Amino acid sequence: MSQRSAIARFLFDSTFSSSANQRTWRTIVAAGAMLGVTTLASAPADADDKKAPPPGAGAPAIMAPPAPTGPVMTLDQPSIDFGTIDTGKKTTVEFTFVNTGTQPLKLEKKKLKSTCRCLVAVLPREPIAPGAHGVIKATFTAPRTAGDASHNLVIKYTTDPAAKAESSAVMSVVGVVRKRPRTPQVPRVEGRGFILS
């Protein structure tokens, strides 16, 4: 008799005295023995012989996200450096974009926000068809103070009118504002002397 059988017989005799309890115990032991044999039969002989299942075996299939059905504004260059300008001067840059979505893209002035009053933009009036290009003209007026300048335009647009879903695009202008050089005063002749204008 094996050690396992001896332990099972000891537990059986010491724990269960009634015939009903003995029948229940015999059923449990028999079921456990059957499960143990099945597990041992299916287990590999050596743990090192285990082979990893092929990638993706038994794993649920991963579905790709659905392609967007509304308009998508894709900027060619989200940030433009306008270089160096004098205080009080204006410079205009153009942001080009493509509608990479499947529906026409309509931009509205009321959904355009600027981080500074010195930066304003002109939006295209007509909707941009899927695959077509558009241009936003941004004009920056340099302030009276010199230094580095960095300002943003944020435009929101509707991607799904039914769900009232929106997306946004951010355009940045950066550059340097320098003090306007003073023009030397040229004296003019008036009467008998010189007068500085």
N, C-alpha and C. Protein backbone atom coordinates (compact mmCIF):
# COMPACT_ATOMS: atom_id res chain seq x y z
N MET A 1 0.86 -1.19 0.00
CA MET A 1 0.00 0.00 0.00
C MET A 1 0.90 1.24 0.00
N SER A 2 0.53 2.16 -0.89
CA SER A 2 1.36 3.36 -0.99
C SER A 2 1.09 4.29 0.19
N GLN A 3 1.95 5.29 0.32
CA GLN A 3 1.81 6.24 1.43
C GLN A 3 0.52 7.03 1.30
N ARG A 4 0.18 7.41 0.04
CA ARG A 4 -1.06 8.16 -0.19
C ARG A 4 -2.28 7.34 0.20
N SER A 5 -2.28 6.09 -0.16
CA SER A 5 -3.41 5.22 0.18
C SER A 5 -3.51 5.04 1.69
N ALA A 6 -2.37 4.92 2.37
CA ALA A 6 -2.37 4.74 3.82
C ALA A 6 -2.94 5.96 4.52
N ILE A 7 -2.56 7.15 4.04
CA ILE A 7 -3.08 8.38 4.64
C ILE A 7 -4.57 8.48 4.41
N ALA A 8 -5.02 8.15 3.20
CA ALA A 8 -6.46 8.20 2.89
C ALA A 8 -7.23 7.22 3.77
N ARG A 9 -6.69 6.00 3.98
CA ARG A 9 -7.38 5.01 4.82
C ARG A 9 -7.44 5.48 6.26
N PHE A 10 -6.36 6.10 6.77
CA PHE A 10 -6.34 6.60 8.14
C PHE A 10 -7.39 7.69 8.33
N LEU A 11 -7.42 8.65 7.41
CA LEU A 11 -8.42 9.71 7.50
C LEU A 11 -9.83 9.16 7.41
N PHE A 12 -10.01 8.19 6.54
CA PHE A 12 -11.33 7.60 6.37
C PHE A 12 -11.79 6.94 7.67
N ASP A 13 -10.92 6.12 8.25
CA ASP A 13 -11.32 5.37 9.45
C ASP A 13 -11.50 6.27 10.65
N SER A 14 -10.64 7.29 10.81
CA SER A 14 -10.70 8.12 12.01
C SER A 14 -11.76 9.21 11.92
N THR A 15 -12.10 9.64 10.73
CA THR A 15 -13.00 10.78 10.61
C THR A 15 -14.45 10.36 10.44
N PHE A 16 -14.66 9.35 9.61
CA PHE A 16 -16.04 8.98 9.28
C PHE A 16 -16.40 7.66 9.94
N SER A 17 -17.50 7.69 10.68
CA SER A 17 -17.93 6.45 11.34
C SER A 17 -19.21 5.92 10.72
N SER A 18 -20.10 6.81 10.22
CA SER A 18 -21.36 6.34 9.64
C SER A 18 -21.15 5.90 8.21
N SER A 19 -22.03 5.01 7.73
CA SER A 19 -21.88 4.48 6.37
C SER A 19 -22.15 5.57 5.32
N ALA A 20 -23.06 6.54 5.62
CA ALA A 20 -23.34 7.62 4.66
C ALA A 20 -22.11 8.49 4.47
N ASN A 21 -21.46 8.82 5.58
CA ASN A 21 -20.23 9.63 5.50
C ASN A 21 -19.12 8.86 4.79
N GLN A 22 -19.06 7.57 4.99
CA GLN A 22 -18.03 6.77 4.34
C GLN A 22 -18.24 6.74 2.83
N ARG A 23 -19.52 6.60 2.40
CA ARG A 23 -19.79 6.61 0.95
C ARG A 23 -19.40 7.95 0.33
N THR A 24 -19.71 9.05 1.04
CA THR A 24 -19.34 10.38 0.54
C THR A 24 -17.83 10.50 0.43
N TRP A 25 -17.13 10.03 1.43
CA TRP A 25 -15.67 10.11 1.42
C TRP A 25 -15.09 9.26 0.29
N ARG A 26 -15.65 8.08 0.06
CA ARG A 26 -15.15 7.22 -1.02
C ARG A 26 -15.35 7.91 -2.38
N THR A 27 -16.47 8.56 -2.55
CA THR A 27 -16.73 9.28 -3.81
C THR A 27 -15.72 10.40 -4.02
N ILE A 28 -15.45 11.15 -2.93
CA ILE A 28 -14.48 12.26 -3.03
C ILE A 28 -13.10 11.72 -3.35
N VAL A 29 -12.67 10.66 -2.67
CA VAL A 29 -11.36 10.09 -2.90
C VAL A 29 -11.24 9.55 -4.32
N ALA A 30 -12.30 8.88 -4.79
CA ALA A 30 -12.27 8.32 -6.15
C ALA A 30 -12.18 9.44 -7.20
N ALA A 31 -12.97 10.49 -6.97
CA ALA A 31 -12.92 11.61 -7.92
C ALA A 31 -11.55 12.27 -7.90
N GLY A 32 -10.98 12.43 -6.70
CA GLY A 32 -9.65 13.03 -6.61
C GLY A 32 -8.59 12.17 -7.28
N ALA A 33 -8.73 10.86 -7.11
CA ALA A 33 -7.77 9.96 -7.74
C ALA A 33 -7.88 10.05 -9.26
N MET A 34 -9.10 10.11 -9.76
CA MET A 34 -9.28 10.22 -11.22
C MET A 34 -8.69 11.52 -11.74
N LEU A 35 -8.93 12.62 -11.02
CA LEU A 35 -8.37 13.90 -11.44
C LEU A 35 -6.86 13.89 -11.39
N GLY A 36 -6.30 13.27 -10.35
CA GLY A 36 -4.85 13.20 -10.23
C GLY A 36 -4.23 12.41 -11.36
N VAL A 37 -4.85 11.29 -11.73
CA VAL A 37 -4.33 10.48 -12.82
C VAL A 37 -4.41 11.26 -14.12
N THR A 38 -5.55 11.94 -14.34
CA THR A 38 -5.71 12.72 -15.57
C THR A 38 -4.68 13.83 -15.64
N THR A 39 -4.43 14.52 -14.52
CA THR A 39 -3.45 15.61 -14.49
C THR A 39 -2.06 15.09 -14.75
N LEU A 40 -1.71 13.96 -14.11
CA LEU A 40 -0.38 13.40 -14.30
C LEU A 40 -0.19 12.92 -15.73
N ALA A 41 -1.26 12.36 -16.31
CA ALA A 41 -1.15 11.85 -17.67
C ALA A 41 -0.93 12.98 -18.66
N SER A 42 -1.55 14.14 -18.40
CA SER A 42 -1.43 15.24 -19.34
C SER A 42 -0.22 16.11 -19.07
N ALA A 43 0.45 15.97 -17.91
CA ALA A 43 1.60 16.80 -17.59
C ALA A 43 2.81 16.31 -18.36
N PRO A 44 3.69 17.22 -18.79
CA PRO A 44 4.89 16.80 -19.52
C PRO A 44 5.86 16.06 -18.59
N ALA A 45 6.67 15.24 -19.19
CA ALA A 45 7.62 14.46 -18.38
C ALA A 45 8.66 15.35 -17.74
N ASP A 46 9.04 16.39 -18.40
CA ASP A 46 10.07 17.29 -17.88
C ASP A 46 9.57 18.71 -18.02
N ALA A 47 9.76 19.53 -16.99
CA ALA A 47 9.27 20.91 -17.03
C ALA A 47 10.01 21.71 -18.08
N ASP A 48 11.26 21.33 -18.39
CA ASP A 48 12.04 22.07 -19.39
C ASP A 48 11.54 21.81 -20.80
N ASP A 49 10.78 20.71 -20.99
CA ASP A 49 10.28 20.38 -22.32
C ASP A 49 9.06 21.18 -22.71
N LYS A 50 8.58 22.00 -21.79
CA LYS A 50 7.38 22.80 -22.09
C LYS A 50 7.70 23.77 -23.20
N LYS A 51 6.84 23.83 -24.17
CA LYS A 51 7.01 24.78 -25.27
C LYS A 51 5.98 25.88 -25.12
N ALA A 52 6.42 27.09 -25.34
CA ALA A 52 5.50 28.23 -25.26
C ALA A 52 4.50 28.16 -26.40
N PRO A 53 3.24 28.48 -26.13
CA PRO A 53 2.26 28.45 -27.22
C PRO A 53 2.62 29.52 -28.24
N PRO A 54 2.23 29.29 -29.48
CA PRO A 54 2.54 30.29 -30.50
C PRO A 54 1.89 31.62 -30.17
N PRO A 55 2.50 32.74 -30.60
CA PRO A 55 1.94 34.06 -30.28
C PRO A 55 0.51 34.18 -30.78
N GLY A 56 -0.33 34.70 -29.91
CA GLY A 56 -1.72 34.92 -30.29
C GLY A 56 -2.60 33.70 -30.10
N ALA A 57 -2.01 32.53 -29.73
CA ALA A 57 -2.82 31.34 -29.56
C ALA A 57 -3.68 31.49 -28.32
N GLY A 58 -4.96 31.33 -28.48
CA GLY A 58 -5.90 31.44 -27.38
C GLY A 58 -6.21 32.86 -26.95
N ALA A 59 -5.50 33.84 -27.48
CA ALA A 59 -5.76 35.23 -27.11
C ALA A 59 -6.89 35.78 -27.97
N PRO A 60 -7.71 36.64 -27.41
CA PRO A 60 -8.79 37.21 -28.22
C PRO A 60 -8.22 38.10 -29.32
N ALA A 61 -8.88 38.09 -30.44
CA ALA A 61 -8.44 38.90 -31.58
C ALA A 61 -8.58 40.38 -31.24
N ILE A 62 -7.56 41.16 -31.60
CA ILE A 62 -7.59 42.61 -31.35
C ILE A 62 -8.12 43.29 -32.59
N MET A 63 -9.18 44.01 -32.41
CA MET A 63 -9.81 44.69 -33.54
C MET A 63 -9.18 46.07 -33.70
N ALA A 64 -8.91 46.45 -34.93
CA ALA A 64 -8.39 47.79 -35.20
C ALA A 64 -9.48 48.81 -34.97
N PRO A 65 -9.12 50.01 -34.46
CA PRO A 65 -10.16 51.01 -34.25
C PRO A 65 -10.76 51.44 -35.58
N PRO A 66 -12.04 51.77 -35.58
CA PRO A 66 -12.67 52.16 -36.83
C PRO A 66 -12.06 53.45 -37.37
N ALA A 67 -12.02 53.55 -38.67
CA ALA A 67 -11.47 54.74 -39.31
C ALA A 67 -12.39 55.93 -39.03
N PRO A 68 -11.82 57.13 -38.86
CA PRO A 68 -12.65 58.29 -38.58
C PRO A 68 -13.59 58.57 -39.74
N THR A 69 -14.82 58.95 -39.40
CA THR A 69 -15.81 59.22 -40.44
C THR A 69 -16.06 60.70 -40.64
N GLY A 70 -15.56 61.54 -39.76
CA GLY A 70 -15.75 62.98 -39.88
C GLY A 70 -14.53 63.65 -40.46
N PRO A 71 -14.50 64.99 -40.45
CA PRO A 71 -13.33 65.71 -40.92
C PRO A 71 -12.18 65.64 -39.93
N VAL A 72 -10.95 65.66 -40.44
CA VAL A 72 -9.75 65.66 -39.61
C VAL A 72 -8.80 66.71 -40.17
N MET A 73 -8.43 67.68 -39.34
CA MET A 73 -7.53 68.76 -39.77
C MET A 73 -6.10 68.37 -39.41
N THR A 74 -5.28 68.15 -40.44
CA THR A 74 -3.88 67.76 -40.25
C THR A 74 -2.99 68.89 -40.75
N LEU A 75 -2.30 69.55 -39.81
CA LEU A 75 -1.44 70.68 -40.16
C LEU A 75 -0.14 70.20 -40.79
N ASP A 76 0.30 70.88 -41.84
CA ASP A 76 1.59 70.57 -42.45
C ASP A 76 2.73 71.00 -41.54
N GLN A 77 2.58 72.15 -40.89
CA GLN A 77 3.61 72.69 -39.99
C GLN A 77 2.91 73.40 -38.84
N PRO A 78 2.78 72.76 -37.68
CA PRO A 78 2.03 73.35 -36.58
C PRO A 78 2.69 74.57 -35.94
N SER A 79 4.00 74.75 -36.14
CA SER A 79 4.71 75.89 -35.55
C SER A 79 5.54 76.58 -36.63
N ILE A 80 5.43 77.92 -36.68
CA ILE A 80 6.16 78.71 -37.67
C ILE A 80 6.98 79.77 -36.96
N ASP A 81 8.25 79.88 -37.34
CA ASP A 81 9.15 80.89 -36.80
C ASP A 81 9.15 82.07 -37.78
N PHE A 82 8.68 83.24 -37.31
CA PHE A 82 8.62 84.41 -38.19
C PHE A 82 9.92 85.20 -38.19
N GLY A 83 10.89 84.77 -37.43
CA GLY A 83 12.20 85.42 -37.43
C GLY A 83 12.25 86.60 -36.46
N THR A 84 12.88 87.70 -36.90
CA THR A 84 13.05 88.89 -36.06
C THR A 84 12.35 90.07 -36.72
N ILE A 85 11.50 90.74 -35.92
CA ILE A 85 10.83 91.94 -36.43
C ILE A 85 10.96 93.06 -35.41
N ASP A 86 10.77 94.27 -35.88
CA ASP A 86 10.86 95.44 -35.01
C ASP A 86 9.56 95.63 -34.25
N THR A 87 9.65 96.32 -33.10
CA THR A 87 8.45 96.61 -32.31
C THR A 87 7.47 97.42 -33.14
N GLY A 88 6.20 97.06 -32.99
CA GLY A 88 5.15 97.78 -33.71
C GLY A 88 4.93 97.32 -35.13
N LYS A 89 5.81 96.49 -35.69
CA LYS A 89 5.66 96.01 -37.06
C LYS A 89 4.75 94.79 -37.11
N LYS A 90 4.25 94.50 -38.33
CA LYS A 90 3.39 93.34 -38.53
C LYS A 90 4.07 92.33 -39.45
N THR A 91 3.75 91.07 -39.22
CA THR A 91 4.21 90.01 -40.12
C THR A 91 3.10 88.99 -40.27
N THR A 92 2.99 88.40 -41.46
CA THR A 92 1.94 87.43 -41.74
C THR A 92 2.56 86.10 -42.13
N VAL A 93 2.04 85.04 -41.54
CA VAL A 93 2.48 83.68 -41.87
C VAL A 93 1.25 82.88 -42.31
N GLU A 94 1.51 81.79 -43.03
CA GLU A 94 0.42 80.95 -43.53
C GLU A 94 0.57 79.52 -43.00
N PHE A 95 -0.49 79.03 -42.37
CA PHE A 95 -0.55 77.65 -41.92
C PHE A 95 -1.33 76.85 -42.97
N THR A 96 -0.70 75.86 -43.57
CA THR A 96 -1.38 75.01 -44.54
C THR A 96 -1.77 73.70 -43.85
N PHE A 97 -2.89 73.14 -44.28
CA PHE A 97 -3.39 71.90 -43.68
C PHE A 97 -4.12 71.08 -44.74
N VAL A 98 -4.38 69.83 -44.39
CA VAL A 98 -5.10 68.91 -45.26
C VAL A 98 -6.25 68.31 -44.46
N ASN A 99 -7.39 68.16 -45.10
CA ASN A 99 -8.51 67.46 -44.48
C ASN A 99 -8.31 65.97 -44.76
N THR A 100 -7.78 65.25 -43.77
CA THR A 100 -7.52 63.82 -43.94
C THR A 100 -8.72 62.95 -43.52
N GLY A 101 -9.85 63.57 -43.25
CA GLY A 101 -11.05 62.83 -42.88
C GLY A 101 -11.88 62.45 -44.09
N THR A 102 -13.12 62.05 -43.81
CA THR A 102 -14.02 61.59 -44.87
C THR A 102 -15.17 62.55 -45.12
N GLN A 103 -15.28 63.63 -44.36
CA GLN A 103 -16.35 64.61 -44.52
C GLN A 103 -15.74 66.00 -44.71
N PRO A 104 -16.48 66.94 -45.31
CA PRO A 104 -15.96 68.31 -45.47
C PRO A 104 -15.67 68.96 -44.12
N LEU A 105 -14.61 69.77 -44.09
CA LEU A 105 -14.17 70.44 -42.87
C LEU A 105 -14.58 71.91 -42.95
N LYS A 106 -15.41 72.34 -42.00
CA LYS A 106 -15.85 73.73 -41.95
C LYS A 106 -15.28 74.39 -40.71
N LEU A 107 -14.56 75.51 -40.93
CA LEU A 107 -13.96 76.25 -39.82
C LEU A 107 -14.75 77.52 -39.57
N GLU A 108 -15.04 77.78 -38.28
CA GLU A 108 -15.84 78.93 -37.91
C GLU A 108 -15.02 79.89 -37.05
N LYS A 109 -15.19 81.18 -37.33
CA LYS A 109 -14.44 82.23 -36.62
C LYS A 109 -14.73 82.21 -35.11
N LYS A 110 -15.96 81.89 -34.73
CA LYS A 110 -16.31 81.92 -33.30
C LYS A 110 -15.64 80.80 -32.51
N LYS A 111 -15.10 79.79 -33.21
CA LYS A 111 -14.42 78.69 -32.53
C LYS A 111 -12.91 78.84 -32.57
N LEU A 112 -12.45 80.03 -32.97
CA LEU A 112 -11.02 80.31 -33.02
C LEU A 112 -10.62 81.14 -31.80
N LYS A 113 -9.63 80.68 -31.07
CA LYS A 113 -9.13 81.39 -29.88
C LYS A 113 -7.66 81.70 -30.07
N SER A 114 -7.25 82.90 -29.62
CA SER A 114 -5.85 83.31 -29.68
C SER A 114 -5.36 83.61 -28.28
N THR A 115 -4.09 83.31 -28.02
CA THR A 115 -3.52 83.57 -26.70
C THR A 115 -3.11 85.03 -26.54
N CYS A 116 -3.23 85.83 -27.62
CA CYS A 116 -2.85 87.24 -27.55
C CYS A 116 -3.64 88.02 -28.59
N ARG A 117 -4.01 89.25 -28.23
CA ARG A 117 -4.71 90.10 -29.19
C ARG A 117 -3.81 90.49 -30.34
N CYS A 118 -2.52 90.32 -30.15
CA CYS A 118 -1.55 90.68 -31.19
C CYS A 118 -1.52 89.64 -32.32
N LEU A 119 -2.21 88.50 -32.15
CA LEU A 119 -2.22 87.45 -33.16
C LEU A 119 -3.64 87.19 -33.63
N VAL A 120 -3.92 87.49 -34.88
CA VAL A 120 -5.25 87.28 -35.46
C VAL A 120 -5.11 86.41 -36.70
N ALA A 121 -6.22 85.78 -37.09
CA ALA A 121 -6.16 84.87 -38.23
C ALA A 121 -7.36 85.05 -39.14
N VAL A 122 -7.15 84.70 -40.41
CA VAL A 122 -8.22 84.70 -41.41
C VAL A 122 -8.42 83.25 -41.83
N LEU A 123 -9.65 82.75 -41.67
CA LEU A 123 -9.97 81.36 -41.97
C LEU A 123 -10.56 81.25 -43.38
N PRO A 124 -10.43 80.08 -44.01
CA PRO A 124 -11.08 79.88 -45.31
C PRO A 124 -12.59 79.91 -45.16
N ARG A 125 -13.26 80.55 -46.12
CA ARG A 125 -14.72 80.69 -46.02
C ARG A 125 -15.45 79.42 -46.41
N GLU A 126 -14.95 78.72 -47.42
CA GLU A 126 -15.63 77.53 -47.92
C GLU A 126 -15.16 76.28 -47.17
N PRO A 127 -16.03 75.28 -47.02
CA PRO A 127 -15.59 74.01 -46.39
C PRO A 127 -14.50 73.35 -47.23
N ILE A 128 -13.60 72.69 -46.56
CA ILE A 128 -12.49 72.00 -47.21
C ILE A 128 -12.90 70.54 -47.43
N ALA A 129 -12.90 70.12 -48.69
CA ALA A 129 -13.32 68.76 -49.04
C ALA A 129 -12.30 67.74 -48.53
N PRO A 130 -12.72 66.47 -48.35
CA PRO A 130 -11.77 65.44 -47.94
C PRO A 130 -10.61 65.33 -48.94
N GLY A 131 -9.40 65.34 -48.42
CA GLY A 131 -8.21 65.25 -49.25
C GLY A 131 -7.73 66.58 -49.80
N ALA A 132 -8.50 67.65 -49.59
CA ALA A 132 -8.13 68.96 -50.13
C ALA A 132 -7.29 69.74 -49.12
N HIS A 133 -6.57 70.75 -49.63
CA HIS A 133 -5.71 71.60 -48.81
C HIS A 133 -6.43 72.90 -48.48
N GLY A 134 -6.06 73.47 -47.34
CA GLY A 134 -6.58 74.76 -46.92
C GLY A 134 -5.46 75.61 -46.33
N VAL A 135 -5.72 76.92 -46.23
CA VAL A 135 -4.72 77.86 -45.72
C VAL A 135 -5.36 78.77 -44.68
N ILE A 136 -4.67 78.96 -43.56
CA ILE A 136 -5.06 79.92 -42.53
C ILE A 136 -3.97 80.98 -42.46
N LYS A 137 -4.33 82.24 -42.69
CA LYS A 137 -3.36 83.34 -42.64
C LYS A 137 -3.40 83.96 -41.25
N ALA A 138 -2.25 83.98 -40.60
CA ALA A 138 -2.13 84.55 -39.25
C ALA A 138 -1.24 85.77 -39.30
N THR A 139 -1.73 86.88 -38.71
CA THR A 139 -0.97 88.13 -38.68
C THR A 139 -0.58 88.44 -37.24
N PHE A 140 0.72 88.66 -37.04
CA PHE A 140 1.25 88.98 -35.72
C PHE A 140 1.72 90.43 -35.72
N THR A 141 1.24 91.22 -34.76
CA THR A 141 1.68 92.60 -34.57
C THR A 141 2.60 92.63 -33.36
N ALA A 142 3.85 92.99 -33.59
CA ALA A 142 4.83 92.99 -32.52
C ALA A 142 4.49 94.04 -31.47
N PRO A 143 4.57 93.70 -30.19
CA PRO A 143 4.30 94.68 -29.13
C PRO A 143 5.42 95.70 -29.01
N ARG A 144 5.27 96.65 -28.10
CA ARG A 144 6.28 97.69 -27.91
C ARG A 144 7.47 97.20 -27.09
N THR A 145 7.31 96.08 -26.44
CA THR A 145 8.41 95.54 -25.64
C THR A 145 9.18 94.51 -26.45
N ALA A 146 10.50 94.56 -26.35
CA ALA A 146 11.34 93.62 -27.10
C ALA A 146 11.50 92.32 -26.32
N GLY A 147 11.88 91.26 -27.05
CA GLY A 147 12.09 89.96 -26.42
C GLY A 147 11.55 88.83 -27.27
N ASP A 148 11.62 87.63 -26.71
CA ASP A 148 11.10 86.45 -27.41
C ASP A 148 9.58 86.50 -27.43
N ALA A 149 9.00 86.05 -28.53
CA ALA A 149 7.53 86.02 -28.66
C ALA A 149 7.09 84.61 -29.02
N SER A 150 6.04 84.14 -28.37
CA SER A 150 5.48 82.82 -28.65
C SER A 150 3.98 82.87 -28.33
N HIS A 151 3.16 82.69 -29.35
CA HIS A 151 1.70 82.75 -29.17
C HIS A 151 1.04 81.64 -29.97
N ASN A 152 -0.17 81.27 -29.52
CA ASN A 152 -0.89 80.15 -30.14
C ASN A 152 -2.26 80.56 -30.65
N LEU A 153 -2.68 79.85 -31.68
CA LEU A 153 -4.06 79.89 -32.16
C LEU A 153 -4.64 78.50 -31.98
N VAL A 154 -5.84 78.42 -31.39
CA VAL A 154 -6.51 77.14 -31.20
C VAL A 154 -7.84 77.20 -31.93
N ILE A 155 -8.04 76.29 -32.88
CA ILE A 155 -9.28 76.24 -33.64
C ILE A 155 -9.99 74.93 -33.35
N LYS A 156 -11.26 75.01 -32.96
CA LYS A 156 -12.07 73.81 -32.75
C LYS A 156 -12.97 73.62 -33.97
N TYR A 157 -13.21 72.36 -34.29
CA TYR A 157 -14.10 72.05 -35.42
C TYR A 157 -14.91 70.80 -35.08
N THR A 158 -16.08 70.70 -35.68
CA THR A 158 -17.00 69.60 -35.40
C THR A 158 -16.61 68.37 -36.21
N THR A 159 -16.48 67.24 -35.50
CA THR A 159 -16.16 65.99 -36.18
C THR A 159 -17.39 65.10 -36.36
N ASP A 160 -18.38 65.25 -35.47
CA ASP A 160 -19.61 64.46 -35.58
C ASP A 160 -20.77 65.33 -35.11
N PRO A 161 -21.55 65.91 -36.05
CA PRO A 161 -22.64 66.79 -35.65
C PRO A 161 -23.70 66.09 -34.80
N ALA A 162 -23.97 64.82 -35.09
CA ALA A 162 -25.01 64.10 -34.34
C ALA A 162 -24.62 63.93 -32.88
N ALA A 163 -23.35 63.59 -32.62
CA ALA A 163 -22.88 63.39 -31.25
C ALA A 163 -22.32 64.67 -30.64
N LYS A 164 -22.30 65.74 -31.41
CA LYS A 164 -21.74 67.03 -30.99
C LYS A 164 -20.28 66.87 -30.54
N ALA A 165 -19.56 66.02 -31.27
CA ALA A 165 -18.15 65.78 -30.95
C ALA A 165 -17.28 66.80 -31.67
N GLU A 166 -16.25 67.27 -30.98
CA GLU A 166 -15.34 68.26 -31.54
C GLU A 166 -13.90 67.82 -31.36
N SER A 167 -13.05 68.35 -32.24
CA SER A 167 -11.62 68.17 -32.10
C SER A 167 -10.98 69.55 -32.26
N SER A 168 -9.69 69.66 -32.03
CA SER A 168 -9.04 70.96 -32.12
C SER A 168 -7.65 70.83 -32.72
N ALA A 169 -7.18 71.93 -33.28
CA ALA A 169 -5.82 72.01 -33.82
C ALA A 169 -5.15 73.24 -33.23
N VAL A 170 -3.86 73.14 -32.94
CA VAL A 170 -3.10 74.23 -32.32
C VAL A 170 -2.02 74.69 -33.29
N MET A 171 -1.98 75.99 -33.57
CA MET A 171 -0.96 76.59 -34.43
C MET A 171 -0.15 77.58 -33.60
N SER A 172 1.16 77.54 -33.73
CA SER A 172 2.05 78.39 -32.93
C SER A 172 2.90 79.27 -33.82
N VAL A 173 3.10 80.51 -33.37
CA VAL A 173 4.07 81.41 -34.02
C VAL A 173 5.10 81.80 -32.97
N VAL A 174 6.36 81.75 -33.38
CA VAL A 174 7.46 82.10 -32.48
C VAL A 174 8.42 83.01 -33.22
N GLY A 175 9.15 83.81 -32.47
CA GLY A 175 10.12 84.70 -33.07
C GLY A 175 10.70 85.65 -32.03
N VAL A 176 11.37 86.67 -32.53
CA VAL A 176 12.02 87.64 -31.65
C VAL A 176 11.58 89.04 -32.06
N VAL A 177 11.20 89.82 -31.05
CA VAL A 177 10.84 91.23 -31.27
C VAL A 177 12.01 92.08 -30.77
N ARG A 178 12.49 92.98 -31.63
CA ARG A 178 13.60 93.85 -31.24
C ARG A 178 13.14 95.30 -31.27
N LYS A 179 13.82 96.13 -30.52
CA LYS A 179 13.48 97.55 -30.50
C LYS A 179 13.78 98.16 -31.85
N ARG A 180 12.83 98.96 -32.31
CA ARG A 180 13.02 99.62 -33.59
C ARG A 180 14.17 100.61 -33.48
N PRO A 181 15.14 100.54 -34.38
CA PRO A 181 16.25 101.49 -34.29
C PRO A 181 15.76 102.92 -34.54
N ARG A 182 16.29 103.83 -33.73
CA ARG A 182 15.88 105.24 -33.87
C ARG A 182 16.55 105.84 -35.10
N THR A 183 15.76 106.54 -35.88
CA THR A 183 16.32 107.22 -37.06
C THR A 183 16.93 108.54 -36.60
N PRO A 184 18.14 108.82 -37.06
CA PRO A 184 18.76 110.08 -36.62
C PRO A 184 18.00 111.28 -37.16
N GLN A 185 17.93 112.32 -36.33
CA GLN A 185 17.22 113.53 -36.74
C GLN A 185 18.09 114.33 -37.72
N VAL A 186 17.47 114.73 -38.79
CA VAL A 186 18.18 115.51 -39.80
C VAL A 186 17.85 116.98 -39.60
N PRO A 187 18.86 117.82 -39.41
CA PRO A 187 18.56 119.25 -39.21
C PRO A 187 18.05 119.89 -40.51
N ARG A 188 17.13 120.79 -40.36
CA ARG A 188 16.63 121.52 -41.52
C ARG A 188 16.90 123.02 -41.31
N VAL A 189 17.09 123.64 -42.38
CA VAL A 189 17.42 125.09 -42.31
C VAL A 189 16.15 125.89 -42.31
N GLU A 190 16.05 126.80 -41.36
CA GLU A 190 14.88 127.68 -41.28
C GLU A 190 15.37 129.05 -40.84
N GLY A 191 15.25 130.03 -41.69
CA GLY A 191 15.68 131.38 -41.35
C GLY A 191 17.18 131.44 -41.21
N ARG A 192 17.65 131.87 -40.03
CA ARG A 192 19.09 132.09 -39.86
C ARG A 192 19.80 130.92 -39.17
N GLY A 193 19.06 129.97 -38.70
CA GLY A 193 19.72 128.87 -38.00
C GLY A 193 19.20 127.51 -38.37
N PHE A 194 19.73 126.49 -37.68
CA PHE A 194 19.30 125.12 -37.90
C PHE A 194 18.28 124.73 -36.84
N ILE A 195 17.26 124.01 -37.29
CA ILE A 195 16.22 123.51 -36.37
C ILE A 195 16.16 121.99 -36.55
N LEU A 196 16.24 121.27 -35.45
CA LEU A 196 16.11 119.82 -35.50
C LEU A 196 14.63 119.45 -35.58
N SER A 197 14.30 118.67 -36.57
CA SER A 197 12.89 118.29 -36.72
C SER A 197 12.61 117.07 -35.90
